[in-house]
N, C-alpha and C. Protein backbone atom coordinates (compact mmCIF):
# COMPACT_ATOMS: atom_id res chain seq x y z
N MET A 1 1.08 -1.37 -0.06
CA MET A 1 0.31 0.02 -0.01
C MET A 1 0.99 1.20 -0.05
N LYS A 2 0.98 2.15 -0.88
CA LYS A 2 1.04 3.61 -1.05
C LYS A 2 0.77 4.46 0.03
N LEU A 3 1.77 5.28 0.67
CA LEU A 3 1.91 6.49 1.76
C LEU A 3 0.52 7.46 1.25
N LYS A 4 0.40 7.57 -0.43
CA LYS A 4 -1.33 8.25 -0.44
C LYS A 4 -2.14 7.76 -0.01
N HIS A 5 -2.26 6.45 -0.06
CA HIS A 5 -3.18 5.36 0.71
C HIS A 5 -3.36 5.26 2.24
N LEU A 6 -2.68 5.72 2.82
CA LEU A 6 -2.72 5.25 4.22
C LEU A 6 -2.55 6.84 4.81
N LEU A 7 -3.01 7.87 3.90
CA LEU A 7 -2.92 8.97 5.26
C LEU A 7 -4.37 9.48 5.13
N PRO A 8 -5.54 8.87 4.58
CA PRO A 8 -6.59 9.48 4.38
C PRO A 8 -6.85 8.32 5.57
N LEU A 9 -6.16 7.10 5.85
CA LEU A 9 -6.61 6.00 6.46
C LEU A 9 -6.76 6.68 7.85
N ALA A 10 -5.42 7.29 8.22
CA ALA A 10 -5.01 7.70 9.09
C ALA A 10 -5.41 8.55 9.98
N LEU A 11 -5.91 9.60 9.05
CA LEU A 11 -6.42 10.97 9.27
C LEU A 11 -8.23 10.71 9.93
N ALA A 12 -8.61 9.77 8.84
CA ALA A 12 -10.08 8.99 9.19
C ALA A 12 -9.41 8.52 10.58
N ALA A 13 -9.04 7.58 11.03
CA ALA A 13 -8.63 7.17 12.95
C ALA A 13 -8.30 7.82 13.44
N VAL A 14 -7.87 8.88 13.33
CA VAL A 14 -7.10 10.17 14.17
C VAL A 14 -8.54 10.56 14.61
N SER A 15 -9.31 10.83 13.76
CA SER A 15 -10.41 11.89 14.10
C SER A 15 -11.70 11.28 15.27
N ILE A 16 -11.41 10.23 15.30
CA ILE A 16 -12.55 9.66 16.26
C ILE A 16 -12.10 10.10 17.37
N SER A 17 -10.10 9.98 18.00
CA SER A 17 -9.45 9.89 19.25
C SER A 17 -9.48 11.48 19.36
N ALA A 18 -9.76 12.43 18.41
CA ALA A 18 -9.23 13.47 18.48
C ALA A 18 -10.31 14.89 19.56
N PHE A 19 -11.63 14.31 19.26
CA PHE A 19 -13.00 15.69 20.17
C PHE A 19 -12.76 14.64 21.81
N ALA A 20 -11.44 14.56 22.31
CA ALA A 20 -11.69 14.42 23.86
C ALA A 20 -11.85 14.89 24.88
N HIS A 21 -12.37 16.03 24.24
CA HIS A 21 -12.89 17.55 24.87
C HIS A 21 -14.31 17.90 25.64
N VAL A 22 -14.42 18.71 25.76
CA VAL A 22 -15.53 20.14 26.61
C VAL A 22 -16.86 18.85 26.90
N GLY A 23 -16.95 18.63 28.46
CA GLY A 23 -17.80 18.14 28.35
C GLY A 23 -18.09 17.13 29.72
N ASP A 24 -16.33 17.13 29.62
CA ASP A 24 -15.99 15.76 30.96
C ASP A 24 -15.78 16.30 32.26
N ALA A 25 -16.02 17.70 32.11
CA ALA A 25 -16.44 18.63 33.22
C ALA A 25 -15.80 18.05 34.84
N HIS A 26 -14.77 18.53 35.20
CA HIS A 26 -13.21 18.64 36.15
C HIS A 26 -13.45 17.16 36.76
N ASP A 27 -13.36 16.05 36.21
CA ASP A 27 -13.55 14.32 36.28
C ASP A 27 -11.84 14.09 36.37
N HIS A 28 -11.22 14.61 36.36
CA HIS A 28 -9.44 14.63 36.35
C HIS A 28 -8.85 15.42 37.14
N GLY A 29 -8.19 14.61 37.93
CA GLY A 29 -7.42 15.45 38.63
C GLY A 29 -5.92 14.51 38.98
N GLY A 30 -5.11 15.40 39.44
CA GLY A 30 -3.41 14.65 39.90
C GLY A 30 -2.73 15.57 38.44
N PHE A 31 -1.43 15.15 38.97
CA PHE A 31 0.04 15.66 38.62
C PHE A 31 -0.02 14.84 36.76
N LEU A 32 -0.29 13.74 37.50
CA LEU A 32 0.15 12.29 35.96
C LEU A 32 -1.31 12.91 35.08
N THR A 33 -2.32 13.08 35.43
CA THR A 33 -3.10 12.96 34.49
C THR A 33 -3.30 14.53 33.63
N GLY A 34 -2.93 15.17 34.76
CA GLY A 34 -2.70 16.46 34.01
C GLY A 34 -1.91 16.61 32.99
N PHE A 35 -0.51 15.91 33.20
CA PHE A 35 0.38 16.07 31.97
C PHE A 35 0.33 15.23 31.04
N LEU A 36 -0.37 14.13 30.71
CA LEU A 36 -0.80 13.17 30.01
C LEU A 36 -1.73 13.94 29.10
N HIS A 37 -2.32 14.21 29.91
CA HIS A 37 -3.64 14.90 28.83
C HIS A 37 -2.92 15.87 27.67
N PRO A 38 -2.42 16.44 27.44
CA PRO A 38 -1.65 17.04 26.26
C PRO A 38 -0.96 16.60 25.24
N ILE A 39 -0.70 14.78 25.65
CA ILE A 39 0.17 14.27 24.94
C ILE A 39 -0.73 13.14 24.65
N THR A 40 -1.59 12.94 25.45
CA THR A 40 -2.35 11.84 24.53
C THR A 40 -3.83 12.38 23.89
N GLY A 41 -4.13 13.79 24.08
CA GLY A 41 -5.05 14.13 22.94
C GLY A 41 -4.18 14.72 21.58
N LEU A 42 -4.54 13.88 20.55
CA LEU A 42 -3.89 13.99 19.66
C LEU A 42 -4.17 15.75 18.59
N ASP A 43 -4.77 16.20 19.02
CA ASP A 43 -4.90 17.24 18.37
C ASP A 43 -3.88 18.27 19.27
N HIS A 44 -4.15 18.11 20.46
CA HIS A 44 -2.97 18.84 21.19
C HIS A 44 -1.98 18.77 21.06
N LEU A 45 -1.57 17.20 21.00
CA LEU A 45 -0.30 17.18 20.79
C LEU A 45 0.45 17.72 19.73
N ALA A 46 -0.43 17.26 18.47
CA ALA A 46 -0.07 17.63 17.45
C ALA A 46 0.13 19.00 17.07
N ALA A 47 -0.88 20.47 17.92
CA ALA A 47 -0.74 21.44 17.70
C ALA A 47 0.53 21.80 18.44
N MET A 48 1.32 21.28 19.57
CA MET A 48 1.83 21.83 20.89
C MET A 48 3.50 20.68 20.06
N LEU A 49 3.38 19.98 19.56
CA LEU A 49 5.03 20.21 18.20
C LEU A 49 4.92 20.80 17.33
N ALA A 50 3.72 21.06 16.51
CA ALA A 50 4.08 21.74 15.52
C ALA A 50 4.27 23.54 15.92
N VAL A 51 3.47 23.74 17.33
CA VAL A 51 4.02 25.33 17.45
C VAL A 51 5.40 25.09 17.98
N GLY A 52 6.48 24.06 18.25
CA GLY A 52 7.88 24.61 18.71
C GLY A 52 8.49 23.91 17.32
N VAL A 53 8.39 23.14 16.33
CA VAL A 53 8.80 23.22 14.98
C VAL A 53 8.75 24.05 14.32
N TRP A 54 7.70 24.66 13.87
CA TRP A 54 7.72 26.21 13.35
C TRP A 54 8.40 27.24 13.88
N SER A 55 8.36 27.47 15.23
CA SER A 55 9.22 28.38 16.06
C SER A 55 10.44 28.62 15.65
N ALA A 56 10.99 27.42 16.00
CA ALA A 56 12.35 26.98 15.71
C ALA A 56 12.84 27.06 14.01
N MET A 57 12.04 26.59 13.21
CA MET A 57 12.20 26.66 12.11
C MET A 57 12.08 27.90 11.50
N THR A 58 11.68 28.86 11.91
CA THR A 58 11.31 30.40 10.84
C THR A 58 11.56 31.46 11.98
N THR A 59 12.10 31.67 13.27
CA THR A 59 12.35 32.68 13.95
C THR A 59 13.49 32.90 14.86
N THR A 60 13.98 34.05 15.61
CA THR A 60 15.55 33.70 15.98
C THR A 60 14.98 33.85 17.56
N ARG A 61 13.92 34.24 17.83
CA ARG A 61 13.25 34.04 19.47
C ARG A 61 12.55 32.69 18.88
N ILE A 62 13.42 31.47 19.41
CA ILE A 62 13.13 30.13 18.95
C ILE A 62 11.53 30.05 20.12
N TRP A 63 11.78 30.35 21.91
CA TRP A 63 11.22 30.14 22.12
C TRP A 63 9.94 31.58 23.06
N ALA A 64 9.93 32.26 21.83
CA ALA A 64 8.67 33.53 21.90
C ALA A 64 7.42 32.61 21.99
N ALA A 65 6.93 31.85 20.68
CA ALA A 65 5.65 31.70 20.47
C ALA A 65 5.34 30.48 21.40
N PRO A 66 6.74 29.51 21.85
CA PRO A 66 5.91 27.97 22.76
C PRO A 66 5.71 29.14 24.38
N LEU A 67 6.24 29.83 24.69
CA LEU A 67 5.85 30.48 26.33
C LEU A 67 4.97 30.94 26.15
N ALA A 68 4.53 31.79 24.97
CA ALA A 68 3.29 32.23 24.71
C ALA A 68 2.27 31.26 24.43
N PHE A 69 2.37 30.41 23.81
CA PHE A 69 1.72 29.03 23.65
C PHE A 69 1.09 28.72 25.30
N ALA A 70 2.19 28.53 26.13
CA ALA A 70 2.14 27.91 27.65
C ALA A 70 1.36 28.99 28.15
N GLY A 71 1.49 30.15 28.32
CA GLY A 71 1.17 31.06 29.38
C GLY A 71 -0.11 31.69 29.26
N THR A 72 -0.52 31.37 27.79
CA THR A 72 -1.87 31.68 27.36
C THR A 72 -2.98 30.33 27.65
N LEU A 73 -2.34 28.96 27.54
CA LEU A 73 -2.95 27.90 27.43
C LEU A 73 -3.39 27.51 29.10
N LEU A 74 -2.26 28.47 29.93
CA LEU A 74 -2.80 27.91 31.44
C LEU A 74 -3.83 28.96 31.80
N ALA A 75 -4.28 30.28 31.46
CA ALA A 75 -4.96 31.16 31.59
C ALA A 75 -6.22 30.96 31.10
N GLY A 76 -6.22 30.41 29.98
CA GLY A 76 -7.42 30.16 29.44
C GLY A 76 -8.20 28.60 30.12
N ALA A 77 -7.04 27.96 30.55
CA ALA A 77 -7.55 26.52 31.85
C ALA A 77 -7.92 27.13 32.94
N LEU A 78 -7.66 28.11 33.46
CA LEU A 78 -8.01 28.88 34.60
C LEU A 78 -9.65 29.61 34.53
N LEU A 79 -9.27 30.28 33.38
CA LEU A 79 -10.49 30.99 33.15
C LEU A 79 -11.66 29.68 32.96
N ALA A 80 -12.00 28.37 32.62
CA ALA A 80 -12.83 27.59 31.90
C ALA A 80 -13.19 27.29 33.30
N GLN A 81 -12.15 27.21 34.32
CA GLN A 81 -12.26 26.46 35.65
C GLN A 81 -13.25 27.12 36.40
N THR A 82 -13.31 28.86 35.97
CA THR A 82 -13.78 29.84 37.22
C THR A 82 -15.33 29.90 36.35
N GLY A 83 -15.44 29.53 35.59
CA GLY A 83 -17.05 29.06 34.87
C GLY A 83 -17.05 29.98 33.74
N ILE A 84 -16.01 30.04 33.43
CA ILE A 84 -16.50 31.23 32.00
C ILE A 84 -16.38 30.05 30.89
N ALA A 85 -17.42 30.60 29.72
CA ALA A 85 -17.63 29.85 29.11
C ALA A 85 -17.09 30.81 27.73
N PHE A 86 -16.43 29.41 27.19
CA PHE A 86 -15.37 29.93 25.65
C PHE A 86 -16.46 29.30 24.57
N PRO A 87 -16.56 30.23 23.52
CA PRO A 87 -17.44 29.57 22.19
C PRO A 87 -16.68 28.91 21.60
N ALA A 88 -16.98 28.00 20.95
CA ALA A 88 -16.40 27.75 19.73
C ALA A 88 -14.75 27.06 19.87
N ILE A 89 -15.13 26.09 21.02
CA ILE A 89 -13.65 25.40 21.56
C ILE A 89 -13.39 24.62 20.07
N GLU A 90 -14.01 23.67 20.07
CA GLU A 90 -13.69 22.99 18.92
C GLU A 90 -13.16 23.37 17.66
N PRO A 91 -14.00 24.06 17.40
CA PRO A 91 -13.50 24.75 15.96
C PRO A 91 -12.22 25.87 16.15
N MET A 92 -12.13 26.10 16.77
CA MET A 92 -10.73 26.99 17.06
C MET A 92 -9.57 26.11 17.38
N ILE A 93 -9.58 24.43 17.78
CA ILE A 93 -8.39 24.22 17.97
C ILE A 93 -8.46 23.34 16.40
N ALA A 94 -9.59 23.25 15.60
CA ALA A 94 -8.93 22.66 14.07
C ALA A 94 -8.50 23.81 13.64
N ALA A 95 -8.75 25.24 14.21
CA ALA A 95 -8.38 26.11 13.18
C ALA A 95 -7.06 26.11 13.75
N SER A 96 -6.56 26.13 14.76
CA SER A 96 -5.12 25.95 14.91
C SER A 96 -3.94 25.13 14.60
N MET A 97 -4.83 24.23 14.30
CA MET A 97 -3.94 23.31 13.75
C MET A 97 -3.69 23.74 12.32
N LEU A 98 -4.96 24.12 12.00
CA LEU A 98 -4.79 24.21 10.08
C LEU A 98 -3.92 25.40 10.14
N VAL A 99 -4.58 26.42 10.86
CA VAL A 99 -3.37 27.69 10.94
C VAL A 99 -1.18 27.34 11.15
N VAL A 100 -1.91 26.51 12.18
CA VAL A 100 0.16 26.21 12.76
C VAL A 100 0.40 25.38 11.71
N GLY A 101 -0.47 24.73 10.64
CA GLY A 101 -0.10 23.41 9.48
C GLY A 101 0.38 24.03 8.84
N LEU A 102 -0.02 25.01 8.11
CA LEU A 102 -0.31 25.93 6.89
C LEU A 102 1.34 27.36 7.32
N LEU A 103 1.61 27.25 8.38
CA LEU A 103 2.99 28.17 8.94
C LEU A 103 4.07 27.72 8.15
N LEU A 104 3.57 26.06 9.06
CA LEU A 104 5.11 25.64 9.15
C LEU A 104 4.96 24.89 7.40
N ALA A 105 3.98 24.38 6.85
CA ALA A 105 3.98 23.78 5.62
C ALA A 105 4.61 24.73 4.40
N ALA A 106 4.68 26.38 5.00
CA ALA A 106 5.09 27.47 3.84
C ALA A 106 5.78 28.25 4.38
N ARG A 107 6.95 27.56 5.76
CA ARG A 107 7.60 28.45 6.03
C ARG A 107 7.61 29.51 6.54
N ILE A 108 6.03 30.24 6.75
CA ILE A 108 6.17 31.94 6.47
C ILE A 108 6.82 32.32 8.16
N GLN A 109 7.62 33.19 7.91
CA GLN A 109 7.91 33.95 9.18
C GLN A 109 7.15 34.87 9.34
N LEU A 110 6.78 35.38 10.84
CA LEU A 110 6.33 36.17 11.28
C LEU A 110 6.90 37.05 12.52
N PRO A 111 7.20 38.60 12.75
CA PRO A 111 7.57 38.44 13.85
C PRO A 111 7.05 38.33 15.28
N ALA A 112 8.40 37.96 15.79
CA ALA A 112 8.54 37.29 16.81
C ALA A 112 6.87 38.04 17.90
N ALA A 113 6.22 38.73 18.09
CA ALA A 113 5.52 39.35 18.71
C ALA A 113 4.70 38.70 18.00
N ALA A 114 3.94 38.81 16.92
CA ALA A 114 2.83 38.58 16.30
C ALA A 114 2.63 37.23 16.54
N GLY A 115 3.68 36.39 15.47
CA GLY A 115 3.60 34.37 16.27
C GLY A 115 3.33 34.42 17.34
N ALA A 116 3.72 34.87 18.51
CA ALA A 116 2.83 35.01 19.86
C ALA A 116 1.60 35.18 20.02
N VAL A 117 1.31 36.19 20.12
CA VAL A 117 -0.08 37.07 19.68
C VAL A 117 -1.13 35.82 18.61
N LEU A 118 -0.36 34.89 17.94
CA LEU A 118 -1.30 34.51 17.17
C LEU A 118 -1.46 32.72 17.50
N VAL A 119 -0.59 32.31 17.52
CA VAL A 119 -0.49 31.16 18.78
C VAL A 119 -0.94 31.37 20.01
N GLY A 120 -0.80 32.11 20.74
CA GLY A 120 -1.45 32.46 21.96
C GLY A 120 -2.83 32.35 21.91
N ALA A 121 -3.83 33.10 20.88
CA ALA A 121 -4.78 33.19 20.86
C ALA A 121 -5.55 31.78 20.66
N PHE A 122 -4.97 31.00 19.82
CA PHE A 122 -5.36 29.65 19.87
C PHE A 122 -5.08 29.04 20.75
N ALA A 123 -3.93 28.85 21.54
CA ALA A 123 -4.03 28.88 23.16
C ALA A 123 -4.64 28.34 23.75
N LEU A 124 -5.43 29.35 24.31
CA LEU A 124 -7.03 30.15 24.95
C LEU A 124 -7.62 28.62 24.78
N PHE A 125 -8.01 28.88 23.45
CA PHE A 125 -8.68 28.02 24.03
C PHE A 125 -8.33 25.84 24.00
N HIS A 126 -7.13 25.84 23.45
CA HIS A 126 -6.78 24.74 24.05
C HIS A 126 -6.99 24.60 25.77
N GLY A 127 -6.65 25.95 26.14
CA GLY A 127 -6.38 25.64 27.64
C GLY A 127 -8.19 25.70 28.27
N ALA A 128 -8.88 26.24 27.18
CA ALA A 128 -9.85 26.04 28.11
C ALA A 128 -10.60 24.79 27.85
N ALA A 129 -10.39 23.73 27.20
CA ALA A 129 -10.50 22.56 26.99
C ALA A 129 -9.68 21.99 28.02
N HIS A 130 -8.66 21.81 28.35
CA HIS A 130 -8.19 21.16 29.72
C HIS A 130 -8.39 21.83 30.64
N GLY A 131 -9.50 23.13 30.50
CA GLY A 131 -9.39 23.71 32.27
C GLY A 131 -11.19 22.76 32.56
N GLN A 132 -12.00 22.63 30.96
CA GLN A 132 -13.02 22.15 31.82
C GLN A 132 -13.03 20.58 32.02
N GLU A 133 -11.93 19.82 31.36
CA GLU A 133 -11.40 18.94 31.94
C GLU A 133 -11.22 17.72 33.25
N LEU A 134 -9.78 19.13 33.53
CA LEU A 134 -9.15 18.70 34.46
C LEU A 134 -8.69 19.68 36.07
N ASN A 135 -9.01 19.00 36.91
CA ASN A 135 -9.33 19.32 38.31
C ASN A 135 -8.31 19.42 39.29
N GLY A 136 -8.29 20.41 39.68
CA GLY A 136 -6.94 21.13 41.06
C GLY A 136 -5.52 21.10 40.36
N THR A 137 -5.01 22.12 41.20
CA THR A 137 -3.55 22.64 40.82
C THR A 137 -2.56 21.38 40.42
N GLY A 138 -2.53 20.55 40.94
CA GLY A 138 -1.71 19.11 40.18
C GLY A 138 -1.94 18.99 38.68
N ALA A 139 -2.70 18.79 38.99
CA ALA A 139 -3.40 18.60 37.20
C ALA A 139 -3.15 19.92 36.61
N LEU A 140 -3.25 21.15 36.51
CA LEU A 140 -2.79 21.94 35.74
C LEU A 140 -1.47 22.23 35.66
N ILE A 141 -0.75 22.12 36.92
CA ILE A 141 0.72 21.73 36.49
C ILE A 141 1.30 20.67 36.27
N GLY A 142 0.24 19.53 35.96
CA GLY A 142 1.06 18.61 34.77
C GLY A 142 0.85 18.96 33.80
N MET A 143 -0.54 19.76 33.51
CA MET A 143 -0.77 19.90 31.94
C MET A 143 0.11 20.93 31.27
N LEU A 144 0.93 21.98 32.15
CA LEU A 144 1.45 22.89 31.66
C LEU A 144 3.06 22.17 31.30
N VAL A 145 3.95 21.16 32.11
CA VAL A 145 4.80 20.39 32.03
C VAL A 145 4.43 19.50 31.03
N GLY A 146 3.66 18.85 31.19
CA GLY A 146 3.64 18.61 29.29
C GLY A 146 3.53 19.05 27.84
N THR A 147 2.80 19.99 28.50
CA THR A 147 2.93 21.53 27.28
C THR A 147 4.58 21.49 27.10
N ALA A 148 5.24 21.99 27.87
CA ALA A 148 6.55 22.58 28.01
C ALA A 148 7.43 21.36 26.88
N LEU A 149 7.28 20.54 27.60
CA LEU A 149 7.84 19.28 27.05
C LEU A 149 7.27 19.10 25.64
N LEU A 150 6.22 19.13 25.12
CA LEU A 150 6.05 19.14 23.78
C LEU A 150 6.58 20.28 23.15
N HIS A 151 6.54 21.22 23.58
CA HIS A 151 7.10 22.31 22.84
C HIS A 151 8.66 22.51 22.62
N VAL A 152 9.53 21.56 23.92
CA VAL A 152 10.95 21.24 23.55
C VAL A 152 11.16 20.28 22.57
N CYS A 153 10.21 19.43 22.47
CA CYS A 153 10.75 18.44 21.88
C CYS A 153 10.20 18.72 20.01
N GLY A 154 9.27 19.81 20.25
CA GLY A 154 9.01 20.39 18.72
C GLY A 154 10.02 21.34 18.48
N VAL A 155 10.71 22.14 19.24
CA VAL A 155 12.24 23.15 19.37
C VAL A 155 12.64 22.01 18.29
N GLY A 156 13.70 21.22 19.50
CA GLY A 156 14.44 20.20 18.81
C GLY A 156 14.12 19.32 17.32
N LEU A 157 13.11 19.17 17.30
CA LEU A 157 12.75 18.79 15.80
C LEU A 157 12.62 19.60 15.33
N GLY A 158 12.14 20.92 15.07
CA GLY A 158 12.62 21.79 14.05
C GLY A 158 13.81 22.19 14.18
N LEU A 159 15.06 22.46 14.86
CA LEU A 159 16.29 22.54 14.65
C LEU A 159 16.74 21.85 14.05
N ALA A 160 16.47 19.87 14.13
CA ALA A 160 17.13 19.21 13.52
C ALA A 160 16.49 19.52 11.93
N LEU A 161 15.46 19.55 11.75
CA LEU A 161 14.83 19.46 10.74
C LEU A 161 15.48 20.70 9.78
N LYS A 162 16.01 21.69 10.59
CA LYS A 162 16.24 22.81 9.82
C LYS A 162 17.47 22.59 8.96
N ARG A 163 18.45 21.72 9.95
CA ARG A 163 19.89 21.55 9.34
C ARG A 163 19.74 20.60 8.21
N GLN A 164 18.45 19.50 8.37
CA GLN A 164 18.68 18.21 7.59
C GLN A 164 17.71 18.64 6.34
N SER A 165 16.71 18.88 6.41
CA SER A 165 15.77 19.10 5.48
C SER A 165 15.07 19.78 4.85
N VAL A 166 14.69 20.60 4.13
CA VAL A 166 13.78 21.40 3.07
C VAL A 166 12.63 21.14 3.37
N TRP A 167 12.43 20.02 2.94
CA TRP A 167 10.93 19.39 2.79
C TRP A 167 10.05 18.93 3.51
N LEU A 168 10.99 17.74 4.56
CA LEU A 168 10.49 17.43 5.49
C LEU A 168 9.81 18.25 6.77
N PRO A 169 9.47 19.30 6.81
CA PRO A 169 9.09 20.11 7.60
C PRO A 169 8.21 21.00 7.19
N ARG A 170 7.74 20.67 5.77
CA ARG A 170 6.74 21.48 5.04
C ARG A 170 6.13 20.23 5.27
N ALA A 171 6.11 18.98 4.86
CA ALA A 171 5.82 17.99 4.68
C ALA A 171 5.01 17.47 6.26
N VAL A 172 5.73 17.78 7.34
CA VAL A 172 4.77 17.62 8.30
C VAL A 172 4.24 18.78 8.87
N GLY A 173 4.13 20.06 8.36
CA GLY A 173 3.34 21.21 8.51
C GLY A 173 1.93 20.90 7.56
N ALA A 174 1.72 20.42 6.61
CA ALA A 174 1.15 20.06 5.73
C ALA A 174 -0.31 18.78 6.22
N VAL A 175 0.83 17.92 7.31
CA VAL A 175 -0.06 17.01 7.77
C VAL A 175 -0.89 17.51 8.75
N VAL A 176 -0.22 18.62 9.60
CA VAL A 176 -1.23 18.86 10.72
C VAL A 176 -2.00 19.93 10.46
N ALA A 177 -1.94 20.47 9.23
CA ALA A 177 -2.55 21.22 8.28
C ALA A 177 -3.90 20.03 8.24
N LEU A 178 -3.56 19.30 7.59
CA LEU A 178 -4.73 18.33 7.01
C LEU A 178 -5.10 17.54 8.26
N PHE A 179 -5.04 17.50 9.16
CA PHE A 179 -5.51 17.07 10.87
C PHE A 179 -6.55 18.23 11.00
N GLY A 180 -6.06 19.21 10.70
CA GLY A 180 -6.85 20.58 11.05
C GLY A 180 -8.44 20.53 10.23
N VAL A 181 -7.84 20.61 8.54
CA VAL A 181 -8.83 20.22 7.85
C VAL A 181 -10.00 19.41 8.02
N ASN A 182 -9.16 17.94 8.59
CA ASN A 182 -10.13 17.00 8.88
C ASN A 182 -10.98 16.87 10.21
N MET A 183 -10.52 17.53 11.02
CA MET A 183 -11.10 18.01 12.67
C MET A 183 -12.21 19.02 11.79
N VAL A 184 -12.22 20.17 10.98
CA VAL A 184 -13.07 20.97 10.74
C VAL A 184 -14.46 20.44 9.95
N LEU A 185 -13.56 19.30 9.04
CA LEU A 185 -14.65 18.61 8.57
C LEU A 185 -15.71 17.65 9.57
N SER A 186 -14.90 17.14 10.46
CA SER A 186 -15.90 16.44 11.50
C SER A 186 -17.15 17.02 12.03
N LEU A 187 -16.47 17.96 12.41
CA LEU A 187 -17.26 19.08 13.30
C LEU A 187 -18.38 19.76 12.27
N ILE A 188 -17.89 19.68 11.15
CA ILE A 188 -19.49 20.20 10.00
C ILE A 188 -19.93 18.66 9.79
N ALA A 189 -19.51 17.80 10.26
CA ALA A 189 -20.37 16.53 9.51
C ALA A 189 -21.30 16.25 10.86
N GLY A 190 -20.83 16.49 12.14
CA GLY A 190 -21.13 16.18 13.52
C GLY A 190 -22.34 17.03 13.67
């Protein structure tokens, strides 16, 4: 079977597990649960890795976008835990995957502040999704540590790819963008 035949199958399989948010209302607590939450949610995993890869590939201030993402992720989680309702959480998470994937695929360079604001805005919705599901300080700290680890891995991957390949990072970005498109289509169909 060729790679072009596997991609639609992989996207279809992933779409089922991607929507593990909203409605779980504080059923999860503890550091380990919070730590694993962004790692086991494929949409969060892909978005956070892509932010790190994109930042490493396109800016000299490599940590600006990942730090903005982590900070506003925490802010979104805290706001959601206080009862503030966020509209369109799932569509914004899907949009984040599409936009960050396209930024990476096209190797679009933004000023550090603009990139930080962009990913930070999306992170607010990722945080709101986590905040609705996680309970307690330990879980939020775990979520932040898991997020930071994903960003560090993404930055490391981006730096390695920057030295090795021109097309592989573009392919990674395209896959992340396609994952976002798949999530959008799943939302429309659902």
